[in-house]
Amino acid sequence: KKVYPFVSGEDKKKKKNPDQPEKKINLQIT
């Protein structure tokens, strides 16, 4: 299994615009 961690954990996720879903690649976000 290969997981690429978020760049800076929670901050990275908070910065994301919740209205913009992950669509660039069809990989699972956990």
Full PDB file with SEQRES, HELIX, SHEET, SSBOND, CRYST1, ORIGX, SCALE, CONECT and MASTER records, all heavy atoms in Angstrom:
SEQRES   1 A   30  LYS LYS VAL TYR PRO PHE VAL SER GLY GLU ASP LYS LYS          
SEQRES   2 A   30  LYS LYS LYS ASN PRO ASP GLN PRO GLU LYS LYS ILE ASN          
SEQRES   3 A   30  LEU GLN ILE THR                                              
HELIX    1 AA1 GLY A    9  LYS A   15  1                                   7    
CRYST1    1.000    1.000    1.000  90.00  90.00  90.00 P 1           1          
ORIGX1      1.000000  0.000000  0.000000        0.00000                         
ORIGX2      0.000000  1.000000  0.000000        0.00000                         
ORIGX3      0.000000  0.000000  1.000000        0.00000                         
SCALE1      1.000000  0.000000  0.000000        0.00000                         
SCALE2      0.000000  1.000000  0.000000        0.00000                         
SCALE3      0.000000  0.000000  1.000000        0.00000                         
ATOM      1  N   LYS A   1       0.862  -1.184   0.000  1.00  0.00           N  
ATOM      2  CA  LYS A   1       0.000   0.000   0.000  1.00  0.00           C  
ATOM      3  C   LYS A   1       0.896   1.230   0.000  1.00  0.00           C  
ATOM      4  O   LYS A   1       1.962   1.222   0.601  1.00  0.00           O  
ATOM      5  CB  LYS A   1      -0.859  -0.025   1.275  1.00  0.00           C  
ATOM      6  CG  LYS A   1      -1.907   1.072   1.358  1.00  0.00           C  
ATOM      7  CD  LYS A   1      -2.767   0.849   2.617  1.00  0.00           C  
ATOM      8  CE  LYS A   1      -3.825   1.923   2.768  1.00  0.00           C  
ATOM      9  NZ  LYS A   1      -4.604   1.747   3.996  1.00  0.00           N  
ATOM     10  N   LYS A   2       0.456   2.278  -0.694  1.00  0.00           N  
ATOM     11  CA  LYS A   2       1.193   3.535  -0.674  1.00  0.00           C  
ATOM     12  C   LYS A   2       0.241   4.672  -0.372  1.00  0.00           C  
ATOM     13  O   LYS A   2      -0.749   4.881  -1.069  1.00  0.00           O  
ATOM     14  CB  LYS A   2       1.877   3.785  -2.028  1.00  0.00           C  
ATOM     15  CG  LYS A   2       2.596   5.136  -2.126  1.00  0.00           C  
ATOM     16  CD  LYS A   2       3.767   5.210  -1.167  1.00  0.00           C  
ATOM     17  CE  LYS A   2       4.404   6.580  -1.154  1.00  0.00           C  
ATOM     18  NZ  LYS A   2       5.469   6.672  -0.139  1.00  0.00           N  
ATOM     19  N   VAL A   3       0.539   5.397   0.708  1.00  0.00           N  
ATOM     20  CA  VAL A   3      -0.265   6.567   1.072  1.00  0.00           C  
ATOM     21  C   VAL A   3       0.652   7.785   1.054  1.00  0.00           C  
ATOM     22  O   VAL A   3       1.721   7.776   1.677  1.00  0.00           O  
ATOM     23  CB  VAL A   3      -0.869   6.409   2.491  1.00  0.00           C  
ATOM     24  CG1 VAL A   3      -1.740   7.611   2.832  1.00  0.00           C  
ATOM     25  CG2 VAL A   3      -1.689   5.133   2.592  1.00  0.00           C  
ATOM     26  N   TYR A   4       0.258   8.810   0.316  1.00  0.00           N  
ATOM     27  CA  TYR A   4       0.997  10.078   0.372  1.00  0.00           C  
ATOM     28  C   TYR A   4       0.337  10.948   1.435  1.00  0.00           C  
ATOM     29  O   TYR A   4      -0.816  11.364   1.263  1.00  0.00           O  
ATOM     30  CB  TYR A   4       0.947  10.798  -0.978  1.00  0.00           C  
ATOM     31  CG  TYR A   4       1.779  10.121  -2.031  1.00  0.00           C  
ATOM     32  CD1 TYR A   4       1.189   9.359  -3.030  1.00  0.00           C  
ATOM     33  CD2 TYR A   4       3.173  10.223  -2.011  1.00  0.00           C  
ATOM     34  CE1 TYR A   4       1.966   8.720  -3.997  1.00  0.00           C  
ATOM     35  CE2 TYR A   4       3.952   9.587  -2.970  1.00  0.00           C  
ATOM     36  CZ  TYR A   4       3.342   8.844  -3.955  1.00  0.00           C  
ATOM     37  OH  TYR A   4       4.105   8.209  -4.898  1.00  0.00           O  
ATOM     38  N   PRO A   5       1.048  11.210   2.552  1.00  0.00           N  
ATOM     39  CA  PRO A   5       0.425  12.002   3.616  1.00  0.00           C  
ATOM     40  C   PRO A   5       0.147  13.421   3.137  1.00  0.00           C  
ATOM     41  O   PRO A   5       0.803  13.908   2.212  1.00  0.00           O  
ATOM     42  CB  PRO A   5       1.491  12.021   4.726  1.00  0.00           C  
ATOM     43  CG  PRO A   5       2.558  11.083   4.297  1.00  0.00           C  
ATOM     44  CD  PRO A   5       2.438  10.879   2.825  1.00  0.00           C  
ATOM     45  N   PHE A   6      -0.840  14.083   3.772  1.00  0.00           N  
ATOM     46  CA  PHE A   6      -1.083  15.484   3.458  1.00  0.00           C  
ATOM     47  C   PHE A   6       0.144  16.279   3.868  1.00  0.00           C  
ATOM     48  O   PHE A   6       0.815  15.948   4.850  1.00  0.00           O  
ATOM     49  CB  PHE A   6      -2.333  15.995   4.192  1.00  0.00           C  
ATOM     50  CG  PHE A   6      -3.588  15.345   3.695  1.00  0.00           C  
ATOM     51  CD1 PHE A   6      -4.346  14.529   4.534  1.00  0.00           C  
ATOM     52  CD2 PHE A   6      -3.997  15.513   2.385  1.00  0.00           C  
ATOM     53  CE1 PHE A   6      -5.489  13.910   4.074  1.00  0.00           C  
ATOM     54  CE2 PHE A   6      -5.150  14.887   1.920  1.00  0.00           C  
ATOM     55  CZ  PHE A   6      -5.893  14.095   2.758  1.00  0.00           C  
ATOM     56  N   VAL A   7       0.382  17.386   3.159  1.00  0.00           N  
ATOM     57  CA  VAL A   7       1.647  18.108   3.346  1.00  0.00           C  
ATOM     58  C   VAL A   7       1.855  18.520   4.792  1.00  0.00           C  
ATOM     59  O   VAL A   7       2.881  18.268   5.381  1.00  0.00           O  
ATOM     60  CB  VAL A   7       1.717  19.341   2.411  1.00  0.00           C  
ATOM     61  CG1 VAL A   7       2.995  20.117   2.659  1.00  0.00           C  
ATOM     62  CG2 VAL A   7       1.661  18.881   0.964  1.00  0.00           C  
ATOM     63  N   SER A   8       0.852  19.159   5.386  1.00  0.00           N  
ATOM     64  CA  SER A   8       1.051  19.500   6.793  1.00  0.00           C  
ATOM     65  C   SER A   8      -0.197  19.136   7.576  1.00  0.00           C  
ATOM     66  O   SER A   8      -0.833  19.949   8.210  1.00  0.00           O  
ATOM     67  CB  SER A   8       1.383  20.979   6.954  1.00  0.00           C  
ATOM     68  OG  SER A   8       0.371  21.745   6.350  1.00  0.00           O  
ATOM     69  N   GLY A   9      -0.560  17.895   7.458  1.00  0.00           N  
ATOM     70  CA  GLY A   9      -1.649  17.336   8.262  1.00  0.00           C  
ATOM     71  C   GLY A   9      -2.932  18.142   8.206  1.00  0.00           C  
ATOM     72  O   GLY A   9      -3.421  18.496   7.152  1.00  0.00           O  
ATOM     73  N   GLU A  10      -3.443  18.491   9.401  1.00  0.00           N  
ATOM     74  CA  GLU A  10      -4.762  19.118   9.510  1.00  0.00           C  
ATOM     75  C   GLU A  10      -4.809  20.474   8.793  1.00  0.00           C  
ATOM     76  O   GLU A  10      -5.790  20.808   8.174  1.00  0.00           O  
ATOM     77  CB  GLU A  10      -5.120  19.306  10.997  1.00  0.00           C  
ATOM     78  CG  GLU A  10      -5.438  18.002  11.708  1.00  0.00           C  
ATOM     79  CD  GLU A  10      -6.540  17.230  11.028  1.00  0.00           C  
ATOM     80  OE1 GLU A  10      -7.589  17.813  10.735  1.00  0.00           O  
ATOM     81  OE2 GLU A  10      -6.324  16.038  10.752  1.00  0.00           O  
ATOM     82  N   ASP A  11      -3.701  21.260   8.888  1.00  0.00           N  
ATOM     83  CA  ASP A  11      -3.717  22.599   8.289  1.00  0.00           C  
ATOM     84  C   ASP A  11      -4.036  22.509   6.808  1.00  0.00           C  
ATOM     85  O   ASP A  11      -4.807  23.268   6.270  1.00  0.00           O  
ATOM     86  CB  ASP A  11      -2.338  23.285   8.424  1.00  0.00           C  
ATOM     87  CG  ASP A  11      -1.896  23.311   9.875  1.00  0.00           C  
ATOM     88  OD1 ASP A  11      -2.787  23.142  10.713  1.00  0.00           O  
ATOM     89  OD2 ASP A  11      -0.704  23.498  10.145  1.00  0.00           O  
ATOM     90  N   LYS A  12      -3.408  21.540   6.163  1.00  0.00           N  
ATOM     91  CA  LYS A  12      -3.575  21.368   4.712  1.00  0.00           C  
ATOM     92  C   LYS A  12      -5.037  21.113   4.399  1.00  0.00           C  
ATOM     93  O   LYS A  12      -5.604  21.670   3.483  1.00  0.00           O  
ATOM     94  CB  LYS A  12      -2.692  20.211   4.245  1.00  0.00           C  
ATOM     95  CG  LYS A  12      -2.860  19.804   2.805  1.00  0.00           C  
ATOM     96  CD  LYS A  12      -2.049  20.711   1.921  1.00  0.00           C  
ATOM     97  CE  LYS A  12      -1.861  20.208   0.516  1.00  0.00           C  
ATOM     98  NZ  LYS A  12      -2.849  19.642  -0.200  1.00  0.00           N  
ATOM     99  N   LYS A  13      -5.667  20.259   5.243  1.00  0.00           N  
ATOM    100  CA  LYS A  13      -7.060  19.905   4.980  1.00  0.00           C  
ATOM    101  C   LYS A  13      -7.973  21.112   5.242  1.00  0.00           C  
ATOM    102  O   LYS A  13      -8.914  21.339   4.530  1.00  0.00           O  
ATOM    103  CB  LYS A  13      -7.470  18.718   5.846  1.00  0.00           C  
ATOM    104  CG  LYS A  13      -7.027  17.397   5.263  1.00  0.00           C  
ATOM    105  CD  LYS A  13      -7.730  16.241   5.924  1.00  0.00           C  
ATOM    106  CE  LYS A  13      -6.926  15.787   7.121  1.00  0.00           C  
ATOM    107  NZ  LYS A  13      -7.514  14.591   7.731  1.00  0.00           N  
ATOM    108  N   LYS A  14      -7.626  21.896   6.299  1.00  0.00           N  
ATOM    109  CA  LYS A  14      -8.462  23.047   6.641  1.00  0.00           C  
ATOM    110  C   LYS A  14      -8.429  24.091   5.536  1.00  0.00           C  
ATOM    111  O   LYS A  14      -9.405  24.732   5.242  1.00  0.00           O  
ATOM    112  CB  LYS A  14      -7.967  23.667   7.950  1.00  0.00           C  
ATOM    113  CG  LYS A  14      -8.532  22.970   9.172  1.00  0.00           C  
ATOM    114  CD  LYS A  14      -7.990  23.623  10.431  1.00  0.00           C  
ATOM    115  CE  LYS A  14      -8.080  22.651  11.590  1.00  0.00           C  
ATOM    116  NZ  LYS A  14      -7.072  22.907  12.608  1.00  0.00           N  
ATOM    117  N   LYS A  15      -7.235  24.242   4.929  1.00  0.00           N  
ATOM    118  CA  LYS A  15      -7.070  25.255   3.895  1.00  0.00           C  
ATOM    119  C   LYS A  15      -7.887  24.943   2.649  1.00  0.00           C  
ATOM    120  O   LYS A  15      -8.234  25.804   1.885  1.00  0.00           O  
ATOM    121  CB  LYS A  15      -5.599  25.391   3.496  1.00  0.00           C  
ATOM    122  CG  LYS A  15      -4.897  26.507   4.238  1.00  0.00           C  
ATOM    123  CD  LYS A  15      -3.513  26.692   3.696  1.00  0.00           C  
ATOM    124  CE  LYS A  15      -2.499  26.017   4.594  1.00  0.00           C  
ATOM    125  NZ  LYS A  15      -1.154  26.051   4.096  1.00  0.00           N  
ATOM    126  N   LYS A  16      -8.193  23.685   2.444  1.00  0.00           N  
ATOM    127  CA  LYS A  16      -8.926  23.280   1.234  1.00  0.00           C  
ATOM    128  C   LYS A  16     -10.320  23.880   1.244  1.00  0.00           C  
ATOM    129  O   LYS A  16     -10.976  23.928   2.273  1.00  0.00           O  
ATOM    130  CB  LYS A  16      -9.051  21.742   1.177  1.00  0.00           C  
ATOM    131  CG  LYS A  16      -7.830  21.099   0.633  1.00  0.00           C  
ATOM    132  CD  LYS A  16      -8.154  19.689   0.261  1.00  0.00           C  
ATOM    133  CE  LYS A  16      -6.954  19.033  -0.361  1.00  0.00           C  
ATOM    134  NZ  LYS A  16      -6.562  19.665  -1.612  1.00  0.00           N  
ATOM    135  N   ASN A  17     -10.762  24.316   0.092  1.00  0.00           N  
ATOM    136  CA  ASN A  17     -12.123  24.813  -0.030  1.00  0.00           C  
ATOM    137  C   ASN A  17     -13.069  23.610   0.004  1.00  0.00           C  
ATOM    138  O   ASN A  17     -13.012  22.752  -0.864  1.00  0.00           O  
ATOM    139  CB  ASN A  17     -12.231  25.557  -1.372  1.00  0.00           C  
ATOM    140  CG  ASN A  17     -13.630  26.101  -1.587  1.00  0.00           C  
ATOM    141  OD1 ASN A  17     -14.561  25.706  -0.887  1.00  0.00           O  
ATOM    142  ND2 ASN A  17     -13.773  26.987  -2.546  1.00  0.00           N  
ATOM    143  N   PRO A  18     -13.928  23.527   1.014  1.00  0.00           N  
ATOM    144  CA  PRO A  18     -14.801  22.351   1.130  1.00  0.00           C  
ATOM    145  C   PRO A  18     -15.727  22.185  -0.080  1.00  0.00           C  
ATOM    146  O   PRO A  18     -16.221  21.120  -0.350  1.00  0.00           O  
ATOM    147  CB  PRO A  18     -15.598  22.608   2.407  1.00  0.00           C  
ATOM    148  CG  PRO A  18     -15.458  24.062   2.685  1.00  0.00           C  
ATOM    149  CD  PRO A  18     -14.178  24.525   2.062  1.00  0.00           C  
ATOM    150  N   ASP A  19     -15.976  23.299  -0.817  1.00  0.00           N  
ATOM    151  CA  ASP A  19     -16.862  23.208  -1.989  1.00  0.00           C  
ATOM    152  C   ASP A  19     -16.155  22.647  -3.215  1.00  0.00           C  
ATOM    153  O   ASP A  19     -16.771  22.436  -4.243  1.00  0.00           O  
ATOM    154  CB  ASP A  19     -17.427  24.587  -2.335  1.00  0.00           C  
ATOM    155  CG  ASP A  19     -18.222  25.162  -1.158  1.00  0.00           C  
ATOM    156  OD1 ASP A  19     -18.771  24.341  -0.401  1.00  0.00           O  
ATOM    157  OD2 ASP A  19     -18.250  26.392  -0.995  1.00  0.00           O  
ATOM    158  N   GLN A  20     -14.831  22.464  -3.109  1.00  0.00           N  
ATOM    159  CA  GLN A  20     -14.103  21.916  -4.247  1.00  0.00           C  
ATOM    160  C   GLN A  20     -13.671  20.491  -3.945  1.00  0.00           C  
ATOM    161  O   GLN A  20     -12.683  20.256  -3.266  1.00  0.00           O  
ATOM    162  CB  GLN A  20     -12.856  22.757  -4.533  1.00  0.00           C  
ATOM    163  CG  GLN A  20     -13.185  24.081  -5.193  1.00  0.00           C  
ATOM    164  CD  GLN A  20     -11.920  24.827  -5.540  1.00  0.00           C  
ATOM    165  OE1 GLN A  20     -10.970  24.846  -4.771  1.00  0.00           O  
ATOM    166  NE2 GLN A  20     -11.901  25.431  -6.709  1.00  0.00           N  
ATOM    167  N   PRO A  21     -14.431  19.513  -4.428  1.00  0.00           N  
ATOM    168  CA  PRO A  21     -14.069  18.124  -4.120  1.00  0.00           C  
ATOM    169  C   PRO A  21     -12.776  17.732  -4.832  1.00  0.00           C  
ATOM    170  O   PRO A  21     -12.404  18.328  -5.840  1.00  0.00           O  
ATOM    171  CB  PRO A  21     -15.256  17.324  -4.677  1.00  0.00           C  
ATOM    172  CG  PRO A  21     -15.871  18.205  -5.705  1.00  0.00           C  
ATOM    173  CD  PRO A  21     -15.602  19.618  -5.298  1.00  0.00           C  
ATOM    174  N   GLU A  22     -12.094  16.722  -4.273  1.00  0.00           N  
ATOM    175  CA  GLU A  22     -10.877  16.181  -4.896  1.00  0.00           C  
ATOM    176  C   GLU A  22     -11.260  15.547  -6.224  1.00  0.00           C  
ATOM    177  O   GLU A  22     -11.834  14.487  -6.256  1.00  0.00           O  
ATOM    178  CB  GLU A  22     -10.289  15.087  -3.987  1.00  0.00           C  
ATOM    179  CG  GLU A  22      -9.628  15.614  -2.746  1.00  0.00           C  
ATOM    180  CD  GLU A  22      -8.232  16.110  -3.027  1.00  0.00           C  
ATOM    181  OE1 GLU A  22      -7.722  15.868  -4.131  1.00  0.00           O  
ATOM    182  OE2 GLU A  22      -7.650  16.753  -2.149  1.00  0.00           O  
ATOM    183  N   LYS A  23     -10.913  16.193  -7.334  1.00  0.00           N  
ATOM    184  CA  LYS A  23     -11.346  15.582  -8.589  1.00  0.00           C  
ATOM    185  C   LYS A  23     -10.160  15.311  -9.521  1.00  0.00           C  
ATOM    186  O   LYS A  23     -10.304  14.741 -10.579  1.00  0.00           O  
ATOM    187  CB  LYS A  23     -12.389  16.501  -9.253  1.00  0.00           C  
ATOM    188  CG  LYS A  23     -13.314  15.813 -10.213  1.00  0.00           C  
ATOM    189  CD  LYS A  23     -14.118  14.709  -9.557  1.00  0.00           C  
ATOM    190  CE  LYS A  23     -14.520  13.627 -10.547  1.00  0.00           C  
ATOM    191  NZ  LYS A  23     -13.886  12.352 -10.355  1.00  0.00           N  
ATOM    192  N   LYS A  24      -8.962  15.770  -9.107  1.00  0.00           N  
ATOM    193  CA  LYS A  24      -7.830  15.680 -10.022  1.00  0.00           C  
ATOM    194  C   LYS A  24      -7.517  14.240 -10.383  1.00  0.00           C  
ATOM    195  O   LYS A  24      -7.272  13.896 -11.519  1.00  0.00           O  
ATOM    196  CB  LYS A  24      -6.596  16.352  -9.402  1.00  0.00           C  
ATOM    197  CG  LYS A  24      -5.477  16.566 -10.416  1.00  0.00           C  
ATOM    198  CD  LYS A  24      -4.425  17.468  -9.861  1.00  0.00           C  
ATOM    199  CE  LYS A  24      -3.480  16.763  -8.917  1.00  0.00           C  
ATOM    200  NZ  LYS A  24      -2.632  15.743  -9.498  1.00  0.00           N  
ATOM    201  N   ILE A  25      -7.522  13.376  -9.396  1.00  0.00           N  
ATOM    202  CA  ILE A  25      -7.253  11.958  -9.648  1.00  0.00           C  
ATOM    203  C   ILE A  25      -8.305  11.145  -8.912  1.00  0.00           C  
ATOM    204  O   ILE A  25      -8.846  11.595  -7.916  1.00  0.00           O  
ATOM    205  CB  ILE A  25      -5.842  11.543  -9.145  1.00  0.00           C  
ATOM    206  CG1 ILE A  25      -5.522  12.239  -7.821  1.00  0.00           C  
ATOM    207  CG2 ILE A  25      -4.789  11.804 -10.183  1.00  0.00           C  
ATOM    208  CD1 ILE A  25      -4.203  11.867  -7.228  1.00  0.00           C  
ATOM    209  N   ASN A  26      -8.554   9.943  -9.408  1.00  0.00           N  
ATOM    210  CA  ASN A  26      -9.612   9.127  -8.795  1.00  0.00           C  
ATOM    211  C   ASN A  26      -9.070   8.287  -7.654  1.00  0.00           C  
ATOM    212  O   ASN A  26      -9.436   7.141  -7.510  1.00  0.00           O  
ATOM    213  CB  ASN A  26     -10.214   8.186  -9.834  1.00  0.00           C  
ATOM    214  CG  ASN A  26     -10.743   8.961 -11.003  1.00  0.00           C  
ATOM    215  OD1 ASN A  26     -11.262  10.043 -10.808  1.00  0.00           O  
ATOM    216  ND2 ASN A  26     -10.608   8.424 -12.198  1.00  0.00           N  
ATOM    217  N   LEU A  27      -8.138   8.814  -6.899  1.00  0.00           N  
ATOM    218  CA  LEU A  27      -7.558   8.014  -5.830  1.00  0.00           C  
ATOM    219  C   LEU A  27      -8.285   8.305  -4.533  1.00  0.00           C  
ATOM    220  O   LEU A  27      -8.854   9.375  -4.348  1.00  0.00           O  
ATOM    221  CB  LEU A  27      -6.063   8.311  -5.704  1.00  0.00           C  
ATOM    222  CG  LEU A  27      -5.266   8.023  -6.973  1.00  0.00           C  
ATOM    223  CD1 LEU A  27      -3.818   8.422  -6.774  1.00  0.00           C  
ATOM    224  CD2 LEU A  27      -5.332   6.562  -7.354  1.00  0.00           C  
ATOM    225  N   GLN A  28      -8.218   7.355  -3.643  1.00  0.00           N  
ATOM    226  CA  GLN A  28      -8.983   7.468  -2.403  1.00  0.00           C  
ATOM    227  C   GLN A  28      -8.311   8.466  -1.458  1.00  0.00           C  
ATOM    228  O   GLN A  28      -7.098   8.438  -1.262  1.00  0.00           O  
ATOM    229  CB  GLN A  28      -9.003   6.085  -1.763  1.00  0.00           C  
ATOM    230  CG  GLN A  28     -10.025   5.949  -0.676  1.00  0.00           C  
ATOM    231  CD  GLN A  28      -9.910   4.585  -0.025  1.00  0.00           C  
ATOM    232  OE1 GLN A  28      -9.485   3.633  -0.663  1.00  0.00           O  
ATOM    233  NE2 GLN A  28     -10.257   4.501   1.229  1.00  0.00           N  
ATOM    234  N   ILE A  29      -9.111   9.354  -0.903  1.00  0.00           N  
ATOM    235  CA  ILE A  29      -8.592  10.299   0.083  1.00  0.00           C  
ATOM    236  C   ILE A  29      -8.986   9.777   1.469  1.00  0.00           C  
ATOM    237  O   ILE A  29     -10.159   9.536   1.726  1.00  0.00           O  
ATOM    238  CB  ILE A  29      -9.219  11.711  -0.111  1.00  0.00           C  
ATOM    239  CG1 ILE A  29      -9.187  12.128  -1.580  1.00  0.00           C  
ATOM    240  CG2 ILE A  29      -8.559  12.741   0.773  1.00  0.00           C  
ATOM    241  CD1 ILE A  29      -7.853  12.388  -2.181  1.00  0.00           C  
ATOM    242  N   THR A  30      -8.009   9.575   2.344  1.00  0.00           N  
ATOM    243  CA  THR A  30      -8.329   9.090   3.700  1.00  0.00           C  
ATOM    244  C   THR A  30      -7.761  10.080   4.712  1.00  0.00           C  
ATOM    245  O   THR A  30      -7.122  11.060   4.344  1.00  0.00           O  
ATOM    246  CB  THR A  30      -7.679   7.710   3.956  1.00  0.00           C  
ATOM    247  OG1 THR A  30      -6.255   7.894   3.961  1.00  0.00           O  
ATOM    248  CG2 THR A  30      -8.055   6.703   2.890  1.00  0.00           C  
TER     249      THR A  30                                                      
MASTER        0    0    0    1    0    0    0    6  248    1    0    3          
END                                                                             
